[in-house]
């Protein structure tokens, strides 16, 4: 897969940011260690529902995301992490991106052990979190053009729907193909609910809209006027986001949001 920027019409590669880079390195190192250690390592740190419930191996809900079933499994997940995750991190910041990555990944794992509590088969891979990232990308950049298999253009929102339908159909035969489709669906569901409930992205901007600057006990008139002007511009931009999506913003409008974010953090 590849994508074309919404503005400009040309091809470009996403920038490799701090959190995505750290996840790529961690997954690569652990994959090498897993290859040397063998199956016992997978049974201990992969997500095995029976062990999770009966032996309280609760750490497996986190560690399973860093194990993979083979080189191409790792390659696909890391490529998707880089391609979609980099822009999400650039939009949210590294801390919020990592928070979302682990929430969707852990949530996908928990739904898996709930769906098959007596299974002895380990679930491994970052796919639950990757599918959560795909959902977030489709929601934040719905009209961004993705080139499926590098040739077939499709908008991000339709790609998410396509993947969701494929996983839903495949989940009925999950025991026969060795792929954790419930984890994929779980990551998509957790990500969708997380963003729809405004626990991450929109909640910040809604707080900005509701919260007026607390300048000081004796505010300076000039400073107050400046903040009121910024607030009015932020309100206008937020209304534009709600109507047209994040990808409709110009560079100047994105800079205004960045400045507003810094302003409120100082309070």
Protein backbone atom coordinates (compact mmCIF):
# COMPACT_ATOMS: atom_id res chain seq x y z
CA UNK A 1 0.00 0.00 0.00
CA UNK A 2 0.99 3.60 -0.48
CA UNK A 3 -0.80 6.94 -0.25
CA UNK A 4 -0.96 10.32 -1.91
CA UNK A 5 -1.10 13.54 0.06
CA UNK A 6 -4.48 15.26 -0.05
CA UNK A 7 -2.82 18.53 -0.97
CA UNK A 8 -0.51 18.89 -3.93
CA UNK A 9 -1.41 15.64 -5.68
CA UNK A 10 2.13 14.24 -5.50
CA UNK A 11 3.48 11.12 -3.85
CA UNK A 12 5.29 11.37 -0.55
CA UNK A 13 6.44 9.09 2.23
CA UNK A 14 5.41 9.69 5.86
CA UNK A 15 8.06 11.02 8.19
CA UNK A 16 9.49 8.58 10.72
CA UNK A 17 8.69 10.05 14.14
CA UNK A 18 9.95 9.25 17.63
CA UNK A 19 7.27 6.86 18.91
CA UNK A 20 6.89 4.94 15.64
CA UNK A 21 10.67 4.62 15.36
CA UNK A 22 10.90 3.26 18.91
CA UNK A 23 8.15 0.70 18.24
CA UNK A 24 9.84 -0.43 15.02
CA UNK A 25 13.14 -0.96 16.81
CA UNK A 26 11.54 -2.75 19.76
CA UNK A 27 9.60 -5.11 17.52
CA UNK A 28 12.67 -5.87 15.45
CA UNK A 29 14.86 -6.65 18.45
CA UNK A 30 12.23 -8.80 20.16
CA UNK A 31 11.58 -10.70 16.92
CA UNK A 32 15.25 -11.66 16.76
CA UNK A 33 15.20 -12.74 20.39
CA UNK A 34 12.01 -14.71 19.80
CA UNK A 35 13.62 -16.49 16.85
CA UNK A 36 16.52 -17.60 19.04
CA UNK A 37 14.49 -18.47 22.16
CA UNK A 38 11.90 -20.66 20.40
CA UNK A 39 8.37 -21.77 21.25
CA UNK A 40 8.72 -21.59 25.04
CA UNK A 41 9.26 -17.87 24.73
CA UNK A 42 6.07 -17.56 22.67
CA UNK A 43 4.05 -19.58 25.16
CA UNK A 44 5.29 -17.39 28.00
CA UNK A 45 4.87 -13.98 26.38
CA UNK A 46 2.26 -14.65 23.70
CA UNK A 47 -1.38 -14.24 24.66
CA UNK A 48 -2.62 -17.69 25.71
CA UNK A 49 -6.21 -17.38 27.02
CA UNK A 50 -5.98 -20.38 29.39
CA UNK A 51 -2.78 -19.06 30.95
CA UNK A 52 -4.21 -15.55 31.13
CA UNK A 53 -7.28 -16.67 33.09
CA UNK A 54 -6.03 -19.66 35.07
CA UNK A 55 -2.41 -18.69 35.77
CA UNK A 56 -2.95 -14.90 35.81
CA UNK A 57 -0.36 -14.22 33.12
CA UNK A 58 -1.79 -10.75 32.70
CA UNK A 59 1.43 -9.37 31.22
CA UNK A 60 0.64 -11.32 28.07
CA UNK A 61 -1.99 -8.72 27.13
CA UNK A 62 0.93 -6.35 26.49
CA UNK A 63 3.84 -8.58 25.48
CA UNK A 64 1.94 -10.46 22.77
CA UNK A 65 1.99 -7.31 20.62
CA UNK A 66 5.77 -7.52 20.23
CA UNK A 67 5.88 -11.13 19.02
CA UNK A 68 5.25 -12.19 15.43
CA UNK A 69 4.62 -15.41 13.56
CA UNK A 70 7.25 -14.85 10.89
CA UNK A 71 9.24 -12.28 8.97
CA UNK A 72 6.41 -11.29 6.61
CA UNK A 73 3.97 -10.98 9.53
CA UNK A 74 6.42 -8.57 11.15
CA UNK A 75 7.12 -6.78 7.87
CA UNK A 76 3.45 -6.11 7.09
CA UNK A 77 2.68 -4.84 10.58
CA UNK A 78 5.73 -2.59 10.75
CA UNK A 79 5.09 -1.20 7.28
CA UNK A 80 1.50 -0.34 8.24
CA UNK A 81 2.72 1.14 11.53
CA UNK A 82 5.14 3.39 9.67
CA UNK A 83 2.76 4.38 6.88
CA UNK A 84 -0.34 5.16 8.97
CA UNK A 85 1.09 5.63 12.46
CA UNK A 86 3.63 8.29 11.52
CA UNK A 87 0.99 10.80 10.49
CA UNK A 88 -1.16 10.05 13.51
CA UNK A 89 1.84 10.66 15.75
CA UNK A 90 2.57 13.92 13.93
CA UNK A 91 -1.05 14.97 14.58
CA UNK A 92 -1.40 13.78 18.18
CA UNK A 93 2.14 13.84 19.55
CA UNK A 94 4.22 10.84 20.63
CA UNK A 95 2.66 10.35 24.07
CA UNK A 96 -0.92 10.35 22.89
CA UNK A 97 -0.03 8.11 19.96
CA UNK A 98 1.64 5.55 22.22
CA UNK A 99 -1.34 5.72 24.55
CA UNK A 100 -3.69 4.95 21.67
CA UNK A 101 -1.41 2.16 20.37
CA UNK A 102 -1.40 0.33 23.69
CA UNK A 103 -5.09 0.91 24.42
CA UNK A 104 -6.14 -0.61 21.11
CA UNK A 105 -3.57 -3.41 21.32
CA UNK A 106 -4.42 -4.37 24.90
CA UNK A 107 -8.13 -3.97 24.22
CA UNK A 108 -7.87 -6.29 21.22
CA UNK A 109 -6.07 -8.85 23.38
CA UNK A 110 -8.68 -8.70 26.13
CA UNK A 111 -11.50 -9.20 23.65
CA UNK A 112 -9.62 -12.20 22.27
CA UNK A 113 -9.28 -13.92 25.66
CA UNK A 114 -12.93 -13.16 26.40
CA UNK A 115 -14.04 -14.65 23.09
CA UNK A 116 -11.99 -17.84 23.52
CA UNK A 117 -11.23 -18.28 27.25
CA UNK A 118 -10.31 -21.98 27.00
CA UNK A 119 -7.96 -21.72 24.03
CA UNK A 120 -4.39 -23.01 24.29
CA UNK A 121 -3.34 -21.33 21.06
CA UNK A 122 -1.14 -18.22 21.57
CA UNK A 123 -2.14 -15.00 19.84
CA UNK A 124 0.86 -12.93 18.78
CA UNK A 125 1.46 -9.79 16.77
CA UNK A 126 0.77 -6.05 16.79
CA UNK A 127 -2.12 -6.47 14.36
CA UNK A 128 -4.81 -5.47 16.88
CA UNK A 129 -3.10 -2.12 17.46
CA UNK A 130 -2.35 -1.76 13.74
CA UNK A 131 -6.02 -2.17 12.85
CA UNK A 132 -6.86 0.37 15.55
CA UNK A 133 -4.40 2.77 13.91
CA UNK A 134 -6.02 2.13 10.54
CA UNK A 135 -9.42 3.06 11.99
CA UNK A 136 -8.01 6.27 13.47
CA UNK A 137 -6.40 7.17 10.16
CA UNK A 138 -9.67 6.62 8.34
CA UNK A 139 -11.55 8.78 10.82
CA UNK A 140 -9.05 11.64 10.87
CA UNK A 141 -8.17 11.59 7.17
CA UNK A 142 -11.28 10.04 5.54
CA UNK A 143 -10.61 11.40 2.06
CA UNK A 144 -6.89 10.64 1.93
CA UNK A 145 -6.19 8.47 -1.10
CA UNK A 146 -4.53 5.12 -0.35
CA UNK A 147 -3.01 3.07 -3.15
CA UNK A 148 -3.93 -0.52 -2.36
CA UNK A 149 -1.14 -2.80 -3.59
CA UNK A 150 0.42 0.43 -4.92
CA UNK A 151 -1.95 0.50 -7.92
CA UNK A 152 -5.61 0.72 -6.85
CA UNK A 153 -6.65 4.11 -5.41
CA UNK A 154 -9.17 4.06 -2.59
CA UNK A 155 -10.12 6.64 0.03
CA UNK A 156 -9.03 5.86 3.58
CA UNK A 157 -12.59 5.67 4.92
CA UNK A 158 -13.56 3.05 2.34
CA UNK A 159 -10.36 1.08 2.94
CA UNK A 160 -11.20 0.84 6.65
CA UNK A 161 -14.70 -0.40 5.84
CA UNK A 162 -13.28 -2.93 3.37
CA UNK A 163 -10.81 -4.30 5.90
CA UNK A 164 -13.50 -4.46 8.57
CA UNK A 165 -15.83 -6.48 6.32
CA UNK A 166 -13.00 -8.84 5.33
CA UNK A 167 -12.08 -9.45 8.96
CA UNK A 168 -15.70 -9.95 9.98
CA UNK A 169 -16.23 -12.58 7.29
CA UNK A 170 -12.89 -14.25 8.00
CA UNK A 171 -13.61 -14.39 11.75
CA UNK A 172 -16.16 -17.13 11.18
CA UNK A 173 -13.29 -19.36 10.04
CA UNK A 174 -10.64 -18.01 12.40
CA UNK A 175 -9.71 -21.44 13.76
CA UNK A 176 -8.78 -22.79 10.35
CA UNK A 177 -6.44 -20.16 8.94
CA UNK A 178 -4.26 -19.43 12.00
CA UNK A 179 -4.95 -15.67 11.92
CA UNK A 180 -6.30 -13.84 14.96
CA UNK A 181 -9.25 -12.14 13.27
CA UNK A 182 -10.92 -11.42 16.60
CA UNK A 183 -7.85 -9.42 17.62
CA UNK A 184 -8.06 -7.45 14.37
CA UNK A 185 -11.75 -6.74 14.87
CA UNK A 186 -11.12 -5.97 18.54
CA UNK A 187 -8.49 -3.37 17.67
CA UNK A 188 -10.84 -1.74 15.19
CA UNK A 189 -13.75 -1.74 17.65
CA UNK A 190 -11.72 -0.35 20.56
CA UNK A 191 -10.19 2.33 18.35
CA UNK A 192 -13.56 3.36 16.93
CA UNK A 193 -15.23 3.57 20.35
CA UNK A 194 -12.25 5.40 21.83
CA UNK A 195 -12.36 8.11 19.18
CA UNK A 196 -16.13 8.32 18.92
CA UNK A 197 -16.38 8.85 22.67
CA UNK A 198 -13.96 11.78 22.28
CA UNK A 199 -11.52 10.33 24.81
CA UNK A 200 -8.57 11.51 22.78
CA UNK A 201 -8.52 13.92 19.92
CA UNK A 202 -11.81 15.78 19.86
CA UNK A 203 -11.94 15.93 23.66
CA UNK A 204 -8.89 18.17 23.70
CA UNK A 205 -10.38 20.62 21.24
CA UNK A 206 -13.75 20.56 22.96
CA UNK A 207 -11.98 21.46 26.22
CA UNK A 208 -10.29 24.30 24.38
CA UNK A 209 -13.65 25.54 23.16
CA UNK A 210 -15.25 25.38 26.61
CA UNK A 211 -12.32 26.64 28.62
CA UNK A 212 -11.52 30.32 28.47
CA UNK A 213 -8.02 31.46 29.35
CA UNK A 214 -7.28 32.13 33.00
CA UNK A 215 -4.70 34.83 32.65
CA UNK A 216 -4.09 36.14 36.16
CA UNK A 217 -5.84 37.88 39.01
CA UNK A 218 -5.00 41.17 37.30
CA UNK A 219 -4.98 40.38 33.60
CA UNK A 220 -3.27 42.70 31.17
CA UNK A 221 -5.76 44.13 28.63
CA UNK A 222 -3.47 43.58 25.65
CA UNK A 223 -2.78 39.97 26.55
CA UNK A 224 -6.47 39.26 27.11
CA UNK A 225 -7.38 40.68 23.70
CA UNK A 226 -4.72 38.55 22.04
CA UNK A 227 -6.04 35.38 23.65
CA UNK A 228 -9.63 36.25 22.76
CA UNK A 229 -8.60 36.64 19.14
CA UNK A 230 -6.82 33.27 19.23
CA UNK A 231 -9.88 31.69 20.83
CA UNK A 232 -12.15 33.04 18.10
CA UNK A 233 -9.85 31.67 15.41
CA UNK A 234 -9.65 28.28 17.15
CA UNK A 235 -13.44 28.11 17.31
CA UNK A 236 -13.64 28.79 13.58
CA UNK A 237 -11.07 26.09 12.81
CA UNK A 238 -12.81 23.55 15.04
CA UNK A 239 -16.07 24.16 13.25
CA UNK A 240 -14.27 23.59 9.96
CA UNK A 241 -12.83 20.30 11.26
CA UNK A 242 -16.29 19.09 12.30
CA UNK A 243 -17.64 19.88 8.82
CA UNK A 244 -14.79 18.87 6.53
CA UNK A 245 -12.27 16.85 8.57
CA UNK A 246 -8.66 17.45 9.59
CA UNK A 247 -7.32 17.13 6.04
CA UNK A 248 -9.19 20.30 5.02
CA UNK A 249 -6.93 22.52 7.17
CA UNK A 250 -4.32 24.75 5.62
CA UNK A 251 -0.79 24.98 7.01
CA UNK A 252 -1.64 28.31 8.60
CA UNK A 253 -4.66 26.85 10.38
CA UNK A 254 -2.61 23.92 11.67
CA UNK A 255 -0.07 26.40 13.03
CA UNK A 256 -2.85 28.26 14.84
CA UNK A 257 -3.93 25.01 16.55
CA UNK A 258 -0.33 24.27 17.53
CA UNK A 259 0.03 27.74 19.06
CA UNK A 260 -3.31 27.38 20.87
CA UNK A 261 -2.21 24.02 22.25
CA UNK A 262 0.96 25.57 23.68
CA UNK A 263 -1.04 28.47 25.09
CA UNK A 264 -3.40 26.24 27.09
CA UNK A 265 -0.58 24.01 28.33
CA UNK A 266 1.01 27.07 29.95
CA UNK A 267 -2.04 27.68 32.14
